[in-house]
Amino acid sequence: MNKDMLDVLKGTRPESGFDFKLSDMVGKVKYVFADENVEVKRGDVHYIKIKPFTIPPEWLAVPCSYIQNPFGKVVGVGEKFAKPVELKRHATDAIFTAFADGKIQIGDLVGAVVMLYTHIES
């Protein structure tokens, strides 16, 4: 991705995601922003500190395949210790796969997750 496109993406910086409904399924798209400066190298997988957000109980955070950073994509989000889906969780880190060399700055959009509500049945 060229520098001009990166400048456009930095200029748009959405502050939040959006809600959607697909048939009876309710969901949200949550943007994921870097909370540290990090240099990424093509082909490497990086843990990137992100602006923390909450994943409510019974919601799943699935990586969004359409919203990504020019240098790579978020393949997952989480916290230091995994918790069951029935509990509230806090996303503090993203797993980022780089497909180009570059520098990610604090506040850069690194990707998004699709938040899906799941009713847990016993």
PDB file of N, CA and C in Angstrom:
ATOM      1  N   MET A   1       0.862  -1.170   0.000  1.00  0.00           N
ATOM      2  CA  MET A   1       0.000   0.000   0.000  1.00  0.00           C
ATOM      3  C   MET A   1       0.903   1.226   0.000  1.00  0.00           C
ATOM      4  N   ASN A   2       0.544   2.206  -0.798  1.00  0.00           N
ATOM      5  CA  ASN A   2       1.406   3.379  -0.901  1.00  0.00           C
ATOM      6  C   ASN A   2       1.140   4.377   0.230  1.00  0.00           C
ATOM      7  N   LYS A   3       2.061   5.333   0.372  1.00  0.00           N
ATOM      8  CA  LYS A   3       1.983   6.319   1.452  1.00  0.00           C
ATOM      9  C   LYS A   3       0.735   7.187   1.353  1.00  0.00           C
ATOM     10  N   ASP A   4       0.303   7.518   0.139  1.00  0.00           N
ATOM     11  CA  ASP A   4      -0.900   8.338  -0.027  1.00  0.00           C
ATOM     12  C   ASP A   4      -2.124   7.652   0.578  1.00  0.00           C
ATOM     13  N   MET A   5      -2.262   6.346   0.338  1.00  0.00           N
ATOM     14  CA  MET A   5      -3.401   5.608   0.884  1.00  0.00           C
ATOM     15  C   MET A   5      -3.305   5.547   2.403  1.00  0.00           C
ATOM     16  N   LEU A   6      -2.111   5.379   2.946  1.00  0.00           N
ATOM     17  CA  LEU A   6      -1.925   5.369   4.397  1.00  0.00           C
ATOM     18  C   LEU A   6      -2.342   6.710   4.994  1.00  0.00           C
ATOM     19  N   ASP A   7      -1.992   7.820   4.328  1.00  0.00           N
ATOM     20  CA  ASP A   7      -2.392   9.146   4.801  1.00  0.00           C
ATOM     21  C   ASP A   7      -3.914   9.303   4.794  1.00  0.00           C
ATOM     22  N   VAL A   8      -4.568   8.764   3.763  1.00  0.00           N
ATOM     23  CA  VAL A   8      -6.032   8.820   3.695  1.00  0.00           C
ATOM     24  C   VAL A   8      -6.637   8.050   4.857  1.00  0.00           C
ATOM     25  N   LEU A   9      -6.120   6.846   5.111  1.00  0.00           N
ATOM     26  CA  LEU A   9      -6.640   6.039   6.216  1.00  0.00           C
ATOM     27  C   LEU A   9      -6.425   6.728   7.563  1.00  0.00           C
ATOM     28  N   LYS A  10      -5.269   7.340   7.756  1.00  0.00           N
ATOM     29  CA  LYS A  10      -5.001   8.052   9.010  1.00  0.00           C
ATOM     30  C   LYS A  10      -5.943   9.237   9.170  1.00  0.00           C
ATOM     31  N   GLY A  11      -6.308   9.879   8.062  1.00  0.00           N
ATOM     32  CA  GLY A  11      -7.187  11.042   8.112  1.00  0.00           C
ATOM     33  C   GLY A  11      -8.630  10.694   8.412  1.00  0.00           C
ATOM     34  N   THR A  12      -9.044   9.464   8.127  1.00  0.00           N
ATOM     35  CA  THR A  12     -10.444   9.087   8.337  1.00  0.00           C
ATOM     36  C   THR A  12     -10.705   8.583   9.741  1.00  0.00           C
ATOM     37  N   ARG A  13      -9.761   7.982  10.377  1.00  0.00           N
ATOM     38  CA  ARG A  13      -9.774   7.479  11.757  1.00  0.00           C
ATOM     39  C   ARG A  13     -11.144   7.464  12.431  1.00  0.00           C
ATOM     40  N   PRO A  14     -11.979   6.485  12.135  1.00  0.00           N
ATOM     41  CA  PRO A  14     -13.276   6.415  12.797  1.00  0.00           C
ATOM     42  C   PRO A  14     -13.113   6.234  14.298  1.00  0.00           C
ATOM     43  N   GLU A  15     -13.990   6.870  15.045  1.00  0.00           N
ATOM     44  CA  GLU A  15     -13.897   6.805  16.512  1.00  0.00           C
ATOM     45  C   GLU A  15     -14.557   5.566  17.087  1.00  0.00           C
ATOM     46  N   SER A  16     -15.532   5.016  16.381  1.00  0.00           N
ATOM     47  CA  SER A  16     -16.196   3.817  16.881  1.00  0.00           C
ATOM     48  C   SER A  16     -16.647   2.979  15.707  1.00  0.00           C
ATOM     49  N   GLY A  17     -17.195   1.840  15.994  1.00  0.00           N
ATOM     50  CA  GLY A  17     -17.680   0.956  14.946  1.00  0.00           C
ATOM     51  C   GLY A  17     -19.139   1.235  14.647  1.00  0.00           C
ATOM     52  N   PHE A  18     -19.848   0.219  14.173  1.00  0.00           N
ATOM     53  CA  PHE A  18     -21.250   0.371  13.849  1.00  0.00           C
ATOM     54  C   PHE A  18     -21.987  -0.916  14.159  1.00  0.00           C
ATOM     55  N   ASP A  19     -23.296  -0.814  14.364  1.00  0.00           N
ATOM     56  CA  ASP A  19     -24.138  -1.956  14.660  1.00  0.00           C
ATOM     57  C   ASP A  19     -24.764  -2.470  13.374  1.00  0.00           C
ATOM     58  N   PHE A  20     -25.158  -3.741  13.363  1.00  0.00           N
ATOM     59  CA  PHE A  20     -25.873  -4.281  12.219  1.00  0.00           C
ATOM     60  C   PHE A  20     -26.784  -5.415  12.676  1.00  0.00           C
ATOM     61  N   LYS A  21     -27.725  -5.783  11.814  1.00  0.00           N
ATOM     62  CA  LYS A  21     -28.597  -6.918  12.079  1.00  0.00           C
ATOM     63  C   LYS A  21     -28.682  -7.741  10.807  1.00  0.00           C
ATOM     64  N   LEU A  22     -28.441  -9.027  10.916  1.00  0.00           N
ATOM     65  CA  LEU A  22     -28.491  -9.946   9.791  1.00  0.00           C
ATOM     66  C   LEU A  22     -29.516 -11.004  10.138  1.00  0.00           C
ATOM     67  N   SER A  23     -30.701 -10.888   9.537  1.00  0.00           N
ATOM     68  CA  SER A  23     -31.815 -11.762   9.886  1.00  0.00           C
ATOM     69  C   SER A  23     -32.087 -11.573  11.376  1.00  0.00           C
ATOM     70  N   ASP A  24     -31.968 -12.635  12.164  1.00  0.00           N
ATOM     71  CA  ASP A  24     -32.184 -12.519  13.608  1.00  0.00           C
ATOM     72  C   ASP A  24     -30.875 -12.320  14.368  1.00  0.00           C
ATOM     73  N   MET A  25     -29.769 -12.219  13.658  1.00  0.00           N
ATOM     74  CA  MET A  25     -28.463 -12.091  14.296  1.00  0.00           C
ATOM     75  C   MET A  25     -28.146 -10.610  14.541  1.00  0.00           C
ATOM     76  N   VAL A  26     -27.729 -10.302  15.740  1.00  0.00           N
ATOM     77  CA  VAL A  26     -27.351  -8.932  16.096  1.00  0.00           C
ATOM     78  C   VAL A  26     -25.837  -8.883  16.221  1.00  0.00           C
ATOM     79  N   GLY A  27     -25.228  -7.810  15.720  1.00  0.00           N
ATOM     80  CA  GLY A  27     -23.787  -7.689  15.805  1.00  0.00           C
ATOM     81  C   GLY A  27     -23.330  -6.250  15.779  1.00  0.00           C
ATOM     82  N   LYS A  28     -22.038  -6.083  15.986  1.00  0.00           N
ATOM     83  CA  LYS A  28     -21.401  -4.773  15.955  1.00  0.00           C
ATOM     84  C   LYS A  28     -20.046  -4.941  15.280  1.00  0.00           C
ATOM     85  N   VAL A  29     -19.596  -3.909  14.611  1.00  0.00           N
ATOM     86  CA  VAL A  29     -18.223  -3.884  14.124  1.00  0.00           C
ATOM     87  C   VAL A  29     -17.466  -2.931  15.025  1.00  0.00           C
ATOM     88  N   LYS A  30     -16.385  -3.422  15.626  1.00  0.00           N
ATOM     89  CA  LYS A  30     -15.568  -2.637  16.561  1.00  0.00           C
ATOM     90  C   LYS A  30     -14.205  -2.407  15.922  1.00  0.00           C
ATOM     91  N   TYR A  31     -13.843  -1.134  15.748  1.00  0.00           N
ATOM     92  CA  TYR A  31     -12.532  -0.807  15.203  1.00  0.00           C
ATOM     93  C   TYR A  31     -11.458  -1.037  16.257  1.00  0.00           C
ATOM     94  N   VAL A  32     -10.281  -1.476  15.800  1.00  0.00           N
ATOM     95  CA  VAL A  32      -9.155  -1.787  16.681  1.00  0.00           C
ATOM     96  C   VAL A  32      -8.032  -0.794  16.379  1.00  0.00           C
ATOM     97  N   PHE A  33      -7.628  -0.034  17.419  1.00  0.00           N
ATOM     98  CA  PHE A  33      -6.603   1.000  17.272  1.00  0.00           C
ATOM     99  C   PHE A  33      -5.349   0.632  18.060  1.00  0.00           C
ATOM    100  N   ALA A  34      -4.181   0.912  17.488  1.00  0.00           N
ATOM    101  CA  ALA A  34      -2.908   0.654  18.162  1.00  0.00           C
ATOM    102  C   ALA A  34      -2.777   1.547  19.390  1.00  0.00           C
ATOM    103  N   ASP A  35      -2.195   0.990  20.442  1.00  0.00           N
ATOM    104  CA  ASP A  35      -1.927   1.752  21.663  1.00  0.00           C
ATOM    105  C   ASP A  35      -0.427   1.766  21.959  1.00  0.00           C
ATOM    106  N   GLU A  36       0.365   1.499  20.920  1.00  0.00           N
ATOM    107  CA  GLU A  36       1.824   1.563  21.017  1.00  0.00           C
ATOM    108  C   GLU A  36       2.382   1.758  19.616  1.00  0.00           C
ATOM    109  N   ASN A  37       3.596   2.263  19.548  1.00  0.00           N
ATOM    110  CA  ASN A  37       4.314   2.368  18.283  1.00  0.00           C
ATOM    111  C   ASN A  37       5.055   1.059  18.072  1.00  0.00           C
ATOM    112  N   VAL A  38       4.941   0.502  16.887  1.00  0.00           N
ATOM    113  CA  VAL A  38       5.601  -0.773  16.614  1.00  0.00           C
ATOM    114  C   VAL A  38       6.007  -0.841  15.144  1.00  0.00           C
ATOM    115  N   GLU A  39       7.179  -1.389  14.908  1.00  0.00           N
ATOM    116  CA  GLU A  39       7.644  -1.617  13.545  1.00  0.00           C
ATOM    117  C   GLU A  39       7.321  -3.064  13.194  1.00  0.00           C
ATOM    118  N   VAL A  40       6.662  -3.252  12.054  1.00  0.00           N
ATOM    119  CA  VAL A  40       6.279  -4.603  11.643  1.00  0.00           C
ATOM    120  C   VAL A  40       7.071  -5.003  10.410  1.00  0.00           C
ATOM    121  N   LYS A  41       7.324  -6.305  10.297  1.00  0.00           N
ATOM    122  CA  LYS A  41       8.070  -6.834   9.162  1.00  0.00           C
ATOM    123  C   LYS A  41       7.230  -7.878   8.449  1.00  0.00           C
ATOM    124  N   ARG A  42       7.246  -7.786   7.148  1.00  0.00           N
ATOM    125  CA  ARG A  42       6.484  -8.700   6.300  1.00  0.00           C
ATOM    126  C   ARG A  42       6.734 -10.156   6.698  1.00  0.00           C
ATOM    127  N   GLY A  43       5.653 -10.908   6.846  1.00  0.00           N
ATOM    128  CA  GLY A  43       5.754 -12.332   7.172  1.00  0.00           C
ATOM    129  C   GLY A  43       5.792 -12.636   8.653  1.00  0.00           C
ATOM    130  N   ASP A  44       5.952 -11.619   9.492  1.00  0.00           N
ATOM    131  CA  ASP A  44       6.016 -11.845  10.938  1.00  0.00           C
ATOM    132  C   ASP A  44       4.651 -11.657  11.580  1.00  0.00           C
ATOM    133  N   VAL A  45       4.465 -12.339  12.698  1.00  0.00           N
ATOM    134  CA  VAL A  45       3.263 -12.170  13.510  1.00  0.00           C
ATOM    135  C   VAL A  45       3.672 -11.358  14.734  1.00  0.00           C
ATOM    136  N   HIS A  46       2.896 -10.318  15.047  1.00  0.00           N
ATOM    137  CA  HIS A  46       3.217  -9.403  16.137  1.00  0.00           C
ATOM    138  C   HIS A  46       2.059  -9.327  17.130  1.00  0.00           C
ATOM    139  N   TYR A  47       2.389  -9.182  18.403  1.00  0.00           N
ATOM    140  CA  TYR A  47       1.393  -8.797  19.401  1.00  0.00           C
ATOM    141  C   TYR A  47       1.472  -7.288  19.502  1.00  0.00           C
ATOM    142  N   ILE A  48       0.340  -6.634  19.296  1.00  0.00           N
ATOM    143  CA  ILE A  48       0.292  -5.178  19.358  1.00  0.00           C
ATOM    144  C   ILE A  48      -0.668  -4.777  20.466  1.00  0.00           C
ATOM    145  N   LYS A  49      -0.191  -3.915  21.375  1.00  0.00           N
ATOM    146  CA  LYS A  49      -1.089  -3.373  22.396  1.00  0.00           C
ATOM    147  C   LYS A  49      -2.113  -2.493  21.689  1.00  0.00           C
ATOM    148  N   ILE A  50      -3.379  -2.658  22.071  1.00  0.00           N
ATOM    149  CA  ILE A  50      -4.447  -1.900  21.432  1.00  0.00           C
ATOM    150  C   ILE A  50      -5.196  -1.078  22.466  1.00  0.00           C
ATOM    151  N   LYS A  51      -5.921  -0.069  21.971  1.00  0.00           N
ATOM    152  CA  LYS A  51      -6.789   0.695  22.855  1.00  0.00           C
ATOM    153  C   LYS A  51      -7.807  -0.298  23.414  1.00  0.00           C
ATOM    154  N   PRO A  52      -7.821  -0.506  24.731  1.00  0.00           N
ATOM    155  CA  PRO A  52      -8.660  -1.561  25.306  1.00  0.00           C
ATOM    156  C   PRO A  52     -10.155  -1.339  25.069  1.00  0.00           C
ATOM    157  N   PHE A  53     -10.857  -2.432  24.912  1.00  0.00           N
ATOM    158  CA  PHE A  53     -12.316  -2.396  24.845  1.00  0.00           C
ATOM    159  C   PHE A  53     -12.866  -3.661  25.485  1.00  0.00           C
ATOM    160  N   THR A  54     -14.124  -3.591  25.865  1.00  0.00           N
ATOM    161  CA  THR A  54     -14.764  -4.698  26.561  1.00  0.00           C
ATOM    162  C   THR A  54     -15.517  -5.581  25.581  1.00  0.00           C
ATOM    163  N   ILE A  55     -15.410  -6.877  25.816  1.00  0.00           N
ATOM    164  CA  ILE A  55     -16.227  -7.849  25.092  1.00  0.00           C
ATOM    165  C   ILE A  55     -17.234  -8.372  26.117  1.00  0.00           C
ATOM    166  N   PRO A  56     -18.510  -8.002  25.966  1.00  0.00           N
ATOM    167  CA  PRO A  56     -19.513  -8.393  26.956  1.00  0.00           C
ATOM    168  C   PRO A  56     -19.706  -9.913  27.003  1.00  0.00           C
ATOM    169  N   PRO A  57     -20.259 -10.415  28.109  1.00  0.00           N
ATOM    170  CA  PRO A  57     -20.567 -11.852  28.191  1.00  0.00           C
ATOM    171  C   PRO A  57     -21.461 -12.276  27.022  1.00  0.00           C
ATOM    172  N   GLU A  58     -21.208 -13.449  26.531  1.00  0.00           N
ATOM    173  CA  GLU A  58     -21.963 -14.075  25.448  1.00  0.00           C
ATOM    174  C   GLU A  58     -21.790 -13.390  24.090  1.00  0.00           C
ATOM    175  N   TRP A  59     -20.768 -12.558  23.954  1.00  0.00           N
ATOM    176  CA  TRP A  59     -20.438 -11.965  22.657  1.00  0.00           C
ATOM    177  C   TRP A  59     -19.109 -12.547  22.172  1.00  0.00           C
ATOM    178  N   LEU A  60     -18.985 -12.762  20.877  1.00  0.00           N
ATOM    179  CA  LEU A  60     -17.751 -13.235  20.255  1.00  0.00           C
ATOM    180  C   LEU A  60     -17.121 -12.088  19.475  1.00  0.00           C
ATOM    181  N   ALA A  61     -15.791 -12.039  19.445  1.00  0.00           N
ATOM    182  CA  ALA A  61     -15.060 -11.038  18.654  1.00  0.00           C
ATOM    183  C   ALA A  61     -14.329 -11.777  17.537  1.00  0.00           C
ATOM    184  N   VAL A  62     -14.862 -11.679  16.330  1.00  0.00           N
ATOM    185  CA  VAL A  62     -14.331 -12.392  15.172  1.00  0.00           C
ATOM    186  C   VAL A  62     -13.594 -11.390  14.281  1.00  0.00           C
ATOM    187  N   PRO A  63     -12.348 -11.674  13.887  1.00  0.00           N
ATOM    188  CA  PRO A  63     -11.623 -10.729  13.030  1.00  0.00           C
ATOM    189  C   PRO A  63     -12.403 -10.402  11.759  1.00  0.00           C
ATOM    190  N   CYS A  64     -12.426  -9.126  11.407  1.00  0.00           N
ATOM    191  CA  CYS A  64     -13.110  -8.659  10.203  1.00  0.00           C
ATOM    192  C   CYS A  64     -12.150  -8.764   9.019  1.00  0.00           C
ATOM    193  N   SER A  65     -12.590  -9.423   7.969  1.00  0.00           N
ATOM    194  CA  SER A  65     -11.693  -9.634   6.830  1.00  0.00           C
ATOM    195  C   SER A  65     -11.624  -8.435   5.884  1.00  0.00           C
ATOM    196  N   TYR A  66     -12.478  -7.435   6.061  1.00  0.00           N
ATOM    197  CA  TYR A  66     -12.511  -6.310   5.128  1.00  0.00           C
ATOM    198  C   TYR A  66     -11.799  -5.060   5.623  1.00  0.00           C
ATOM    199  N   ILE A  67     -11.739  -4.873   6.930  1.00  0.00           N
ATOM    200  CA  ILE A  67     -11.120  -3.665   7.477  1.00  0.00           C
ATOM    201  C   ILE A  67      -9.744  -4.040   7.991  1.00  0.00           C
ATOM    202  N   GLN A  68      -8.719  -3.495   7.376  1.00  0.00           N
ATOM    203  CA  GLN A  68      -7.358  -3.852   7.760  1.00  0.00           C
ATOM    204  C   GLN A  68      -6.423  -2.662   7.601  1.00  0.00           C
ATOM    205  N   ASN A  69      -5.231  -2.821   8.125  1.00  0.00           N
ATOM    206  CA  ASN A  69      -4.175  -1.825   8.030  1.00  0.00           C
ATOM    207  C   ASN A  69      -3.398  -2.063   6.736  1.00  0.00           C
ATOM    208  N   PRO A  70      -2.803  -1.040   6.147  1.00  0.00           N
ATOM    209  CA  PRO A  70      -2.027  -1.235   4.917  1.00  0.00           C
ATOM    210  C   PRO A  70      -0.846  -2.192   5.074  1.00  0.00           C
ATOM    211  N   PHE A  71      -0.411  -2.436   6.321  1.00  0.00           N
ATOM    212  CA  PHE A  71       0.751  -3.293   6.537  1.00  0.00           C
ATOM    213  C   PHE A  71       0.384  -4.716   6.949  1.00  0.00           C
ATOM    214  N   GLY A  72      -0.886  -4.974   7.223  1.00  0.00           N
ATOM    215  CA  GLY A  72      -1.272  -6.320   7.634  1.00  0.00           C
ATOM    216  C   GLY A  72      -2.678  -6.348   8.178  1.00  0.00           C
ATOM    217  N   LYS A  73      -2.991  -7.432   8.890  1.00  0.00           N
ATOM    218  CA  LYS A  73      -4.350  -7.564   9.385  1.00  0.00           C
ATOM    219  C   LYS A  73      -4.384  -8.196  10.764  1.00  0.00           C
ATOM    220  N   VAL A  74      -5.401  -7.817  11.511  1.00  0.00           N
ATOM    221  CA  VAL A  74      -5.651  -8.385  12.831  1.00  0.00           C
ATOM    222  C   VAL A  74      -6.277  -9.758  12.634  1.00  0.00           C
ATOM    223  N   VAL A  75      -5.694 -10.775  13.254  1.00  0.00           N
ATOM    224  CA  VAL A  75      -6.240 -12.127  13.161  1.00  0.00           C
ATOM    225  C   VAL A  75      -6.863 -12.578  14.482  1.00  0.00           C
ATOM    226  N   GLY A  76      -6.779 -11.729  15.488  1.00  0.00           N
ATOM    227  CA  GLY A  76      -7.407 -12.032  16.768  1.00  0.00           C
ATOM    228  C   GLY A  76      -7.148 -10.942  17.777  1.00  0.00           C
ATOM    229  N   VAL A  77      -8.012 -10.856  18.787  1.00  0.00           N
ATOM    230  CA  VAL A  77      -7.825  -9.927  19.901  1.00  0.00           C
ATOM    231  C   VAL A  77      -8.041 -10.695  21.193  1.00  0.00           C
ATOM    232  N   GLY A  78      -7.470 -10.186  22.264  1.00  0.00           N
ATOM    233  CA  GLY A  78      -7.651 -10.850  23.543  1.00  0.00           C
ATOM    234  C   GLY A  78      -6.943 -10.137  24.665  1.00  0.00           C
ATOM    235  N   GLU A  79      -6.828 -10.871  25.752  1.00  0.00           N
ATOM    236  CA  GLU A  79      -6.153 -10.363  26.936  1.00  0.00           C
ATOM    237  C   GLU A  79      -5.146 -11.401  27.392  1.00  0.00           C
ATOM    238  N   LYS A  80      -4.443 -11.113  28.472  1.00  0.00           N
ATOM    239  CA  LYS A  80      -3.348 -11.977  28.912  1.00  0.00           C
ATOM    240  C   LYS A  80      -3.799 -13.409  29.161  1.00  0.00           C
ATOM    241  N   PHE A  81      -4.939 -13.587  29.821  1.00  0.00           N
ATOM    242  CA  PHE A  81      -5.456 -14.921  30.105  1.00  0.00           C
ATOM    243  C   PHE A  81      -6.832 -15.081  29.476  1.00  0.00           C
ATOM    244  N   ALA A  82      -7.019 -16.138  28.726  1.00  0.00           N
ATOM    245  CA  ALA A  82      -8.308 -16.386  28.079  1.00  0.00           C
ATOM    246  C   ALA A  82      -9.374 -16.678  29.134  1.00  0.00           C
ATOM    247  N   LYS A  83     -10.584 -16.182  28.874  1.00  0.00           N
ATOM    248  CA  LYS A  83     -11.720 -16.413  29.765  1.00  0.00           C
ATOM    249  C   LYS A  83     -12.856 -17.033  28.967  1.00  0.00           C
ATOM    250  N   PRO A  84     -13.748 -17.749  29.636  1.00  0.00           N
ATOM    251  CA  PRO A  84     -14.901 -18.320  28.933  1.00  0.00           C
ATOM    252  C   PRO A  84     -15.805 -17.233  28.366  1.00  0.00           C
ATOM    253  N   VAL A  85     -16.532 -17.567  27.313  1.00  0.00           N
ATOM    254  CA  VAL A  85     -17.399 -16.606  26.639  1.00  0.00           C
ATOM    255  C   VAL A  85     -18.525 -16.122  27.561  1.00  0.00           C
ATOM    256  N   GLU A  86     -18.836 -16.858  28.604  1.00  0.00           N
ATOM    257  CA  GLU A  86     -19.893 -16.444  29.535  1.00  0.00           C
ATOM    258  C   GLU A  86     -19.485 -15.262  30.402  1.00  0.00           C
ATOM    259  N   LEU A  87     -18.200 -14.930  30.445  1.00  0.00           N
ATOM    260  CA  LEU A  87     -17.696 -13.840  31.281  1.00  0.00           C
ATOM    261  C   LEU A  87     -17.371 -12.605  30.455  1.00  0.00           C
ATOM    262  N   LYS A  88     -17.383 -11.440  31.122  1.00  0.00           N
ATOM    263  CA  LYS A  88     -16.928 -10.205  30.480  1.00  0.00           C
ATOM    264  C   LYS A  88     -15.424 -10.320  30.259  1.00  0.00           C
ATOM    265  N   ARG A  89     -14.966  -9.908  29.080  1.00  0.00           N
ATOM    266  CA  ARG A  89     -13.550  -9.951  28.746  1.00  0.00           C
ATOM    267  C   ARG A  89     -13.078  -8.581  28.297  1.00  0.00           C
ATOM    268  N   HIS A  90     -11.776  -8.365  28.329  1.00  0.00           N
ATOM    269  CA  HIS A  90     -11.187  -7.087  27.940  1.00  0.00           C
ATOM    270  C   HIS A  90     -10.132  -7.343  26.864  1.00  0.00           C
ATOM    271  N   ALA A  91     -10.342  -6.787  25.697  1.00  0.00           N
ATOM    272  CA  ALA A  91      -9.355  -6.908  24.629  1.00  0.00           C
ATOM    273  C   ALA A  91      -8.283  -5.840  24.855  1.00  0.00           C
ATOM    274  N   THR A  92      -7.054  -6.282  25.063  1.00  0.00           N
ATOM    275  CA  THR A  92      -5.934  -5.373  25.320  1.00  0.00           C
ATOM    276  C   THR A  92      -4.806  -5.538  24.304  1.00  0.00           C
ATOM    277  N   ASP A  93      -4.835  -6.640  23.559  1.00  0.00           N
ATOM    278  CA  ASP A  93      -3.789  -6.947  22.593  1.00  0.00           C
ATOM    279  C   ASP A  93      -4.411  -7.521  21.330  1.00  0.00           C
ATOM    280  N   ALA A  94      -3.749  -7.266  20.205  1.00  0.00           N
ATOM    281  CA  ALA A  94      -4.164  -7.857  18.935  1.00  0.00           C
ATOM    282  C   ALA A  94      -3.031  -8.716  18.407  1.00  0.00           C
ATOM    283  N   ILE A  95      -3.398  -9.804  17.785  1.00  0.00           N
ATOM    284  CA  ILE A  95      -2.436 -10.607  17.036  1.00  0.00           C
ATOM    285  C   ILE A  95      -2.506 -10.075  15.606  1.00  0.00           C
ATOM    286  N   PHE A  96      -1.373  -9.604  15.104  1.00  0.00           N
ATOM    287  CA  PHE A  96      -1.305  -8.896  13.827  1.00  0.00           C
ATOM    288  C   PHE A  96      -0.334  -9.624  12.901  1.00  0.00           C
ATOM    289  N   THR A  97      -0.810 -10.019  11.740  1.00  0.00           N
ATOM    290  CA  THR A  97       0.042 -10.645  10.727  1.00  0.00           C
ATOM    291  C   THR A  97       0.409  -9.588   9.697  1.00  0.00           C
ATOM    292  N   ALA A  98       1.709  -9.348   9.540  1.00  0.00           N
ATOM    293  CA  ALA A  98       2.177  -8.309   8.619  1.00  0.00           C
ATOM    294  C   ALA A  98       2.402  -8.889   7.226  1.00  0.00           C
ATOM    295  N   PHE A  99       1.884  -8.191   6.208  1.00  0.00           N
ATOM    296  CA  PHE A  99       2.179  -8.584   4.831  1.00  0.00           C
ATOM    297  C   PHE A  99       2.998  -7.524   4.118  1.00  0.00           C
ATOM    298  N   ALA A 100       3.441  -6.510   4.871  1.00  0.00           N
ATOM    299  CA  ALA A 100       4.349  -5.490   4.338  1.00  0.00           C
ATOM    300  C   ALA A 100       5.151  -4.916   5.503  1.00  0.00           C
ATOM    301  N   ASP A 101       6.342  -4.400   5.226  1.00  0.00           N
ATOM    302  CA  ASP A 101       7.144  -3.726   6.236  1.00  0.00           C
ATOM    303  C   ASP A 101       6.566  -2.339   6.482  1.00  0.00           C
ATOM    304  N   GLY A 102       6.576  -1.902   7.740  1.00  0.00           N
ATOM    305  CA  GLY A 102       6.098  -0.563   8.023  1.00  0.00           C
ATOM    306  C   GLY A 102       6.094  -0.242   9.498  1.00  0.00           C
ATOM    307  N   LYS A 103       5.663   0.977   9.809  1.00  0.00           N
ATOM    308  CA  LYS A 103       5.582   1.444  11.193  1.00  0.00           C
ATOM    309  C   LYS A 103       4.132   1.762  11.521  1.00  0.00           C
ATOM    310  N   ILE A 104       3.670   1.198  12.612  1.00  0.00           N
ATOM    311  CA  ILE A 104       2.330   1.482  13.115  1.00  0.00           C
ATOM    312  C   ILE A 104       2.497   2.423  14.298  1.00  0.00           C
ATOM    313  N   GLN A 105       1.727   3.492  14.309  1.00  0.00           N
ATOM    314  CA  GLN A 105       1.816   4.506  15.351  1.00  0.00           C
ATOM    315  C   GLN A 105       0.610   4.407  16.287  1.00  0.00           C
ATOM    316  N   ILE A 106       0.772   4.920  17.494  1.00  0.00           N
ATOM    317  CA  ILE A 106      -0.337   4.975  18.449  1.00  0.00           C
ATOM    318  C   ILE A 106      -1.513   5.684  17.776  1.00  0.00           C
ATOM    319  N   GLY A 107      -2.681   5.091  17.874  1.00  0.00           N
ATOM    320  CA  GLY A 107      -3.883   5.669  17.289  1.00  0.00           C
ATOM    321  C   GLY A 107      -4.200   5.194  15.886  1.00  0.00           C
ATOM    322  N   ASP A 108      -3.256   4.501  15.238  1.00  0.00           N
ATOM    323  CA  ASP A 108      -3.525   3.983  13.895  1.00  0.00           C
ATOM    324  C   ASP A 108      -4.575   2.878  13.944  1.00  0.00           C
ATOM    325  N   LEU A 109      -5.431   2.847  12.957  1.00  0.00           N
ATOM    326  CA  LEU A 109      -6.382   1.766  12.792  1.00  0.00           C
ATOM    327  C   LEU A 109      -5.604   0.535  12.332  1.00  0.00           C
ATOM    328  N   VAL A 110      -5.657  -0.547  13.110  1.00  0.00           N
ATOM    329  CA  VAL A 110      -4.946  -1.765  12.717  1.00  0.00           C
ATOM    330  C   VAL A 110      -5.898  -2.829  12.191  1.00  0.00           C
ATOM    331  N   GLY A 111      -7.190  -2.657  12.402  1.00  0.00           N
ATOM    332  CA  GLY A 111      -8.155  -3.622  11.908  1.00  0.00           C
ATOM    333  C   GLY A 111      -9.485  -3.448  12.606  1.00  0.00           C
ATOM    334  N   ALA A 112     -10.273  -4.506  12.573  1.00  0.00           N
ATOM    335  CA  ALA A 112     -11.588  -4.485  13.205  1.00  0.00           C
ATOM    336  C   ALA A 112     -11.986  -5.906  13.566  1.00  0.00           C
ATOM    337  N   VAL A 113     -12.939  -6.000  14.474  1.00  0.00           N
ATOM    338  CA  VAL A 113     -13.550  -7.291  14.795  1.00  0.00           C
ATOM    339  C   VAL A 113     -15.054  -7.155  14.641  1.00  0.00           C
ATOM    340  N   VAL A 114     -15.679  -8.237  14.244  1.00  0.00           N
ATOM    341  CA  VAL A 114     -17.128  -8.307  14.186  1.00  0.00           C
ATOM    342  C   VAL A 114     -17.574  -8.931  15.499  1.00  0.00           C
ATOM    343  N   MET A 115     -18.361  -8.184  16.247  1.00  0.00           N
ATOM    344  CA  MET A 115     -18.871  -8.653  17.536  1.00  0.00           C
ATOM    345  C   MET A 115     -20.241  -9.281  17.294  1.00  0.00           C
ATOM    346  N   LEU A 116     -20.379 -10.547  17.667  1.00  0.00           N
ATOM    347  CA  LEU A 116     -21.616 -11.290  17.443  1.00  0.00           C
ATOM    348  C   LEU A 116     -22.183 -11.754  18.781  1.00  0.00           C
ATOM    349  N   TYR A 117     -23.466 -11.511  18.972  1.00  0.00           N
ATOM    350  CA  TYR A 117     -24.128 -11.967  20.198  1.00  0.00           C
ATOM    351  C   TYR A 117     -24.473 -13.443  20.046  1.00  0.00           C
ATOM    352  N   THR A 118     -24.138 -14.218  21.063  1.00  0.00           N
ATOM    353  CA  THR A 118     -24.448 -15.639  21.074  1.00  0.00           C
ATOM    354  C   THR A 118     -25.173 -15.973  22.353  1.00  0.00           C
ATOM    355  N   HIS A 119     -26.314 -16.576  22.237  1.00  0.00           N
ATOM    356  CA  HIS A 119     -27.032 -17.001  23.445  1.00  0.00           C
ATOM    357  C   HIS A 119     -26.520 -18.374  23.826  1.00  0.00           C
ATOM    358  N   ILE A 120     -25.957 -18.472  25.019  1.00  0.00           N
ATOM    359  CA  ILE A 120     -25.410 -19.748  25.487  1.00  0.00           C
ATOM    360  C   ILE A 120     -26.555 -20.591  26.037  1.00  0.00           C
ATOM    361  N   GLU A 121     -26.729 -21.773  25.460  1.00  0.00           N
ATOM    362  CA  GLU A 121     -27.757 -22.689  25.938  1.00  0.00           C
ATOM    363  C   GLU A 121     -27.103 -23.818  26.700  1.00  0.00           C
ATOM    364  N   SER A 122     -27.716 -24.168  27.826  1.00  0.00           N
ATOM    365  CA  SER A 122     -27.160 -25.245  28.667  1.00  0.00           C
ATOM    366  C   SER A 122     -27.609 -26.603  28.189  1.00  0.00           C
TER     367      SER A 122
END
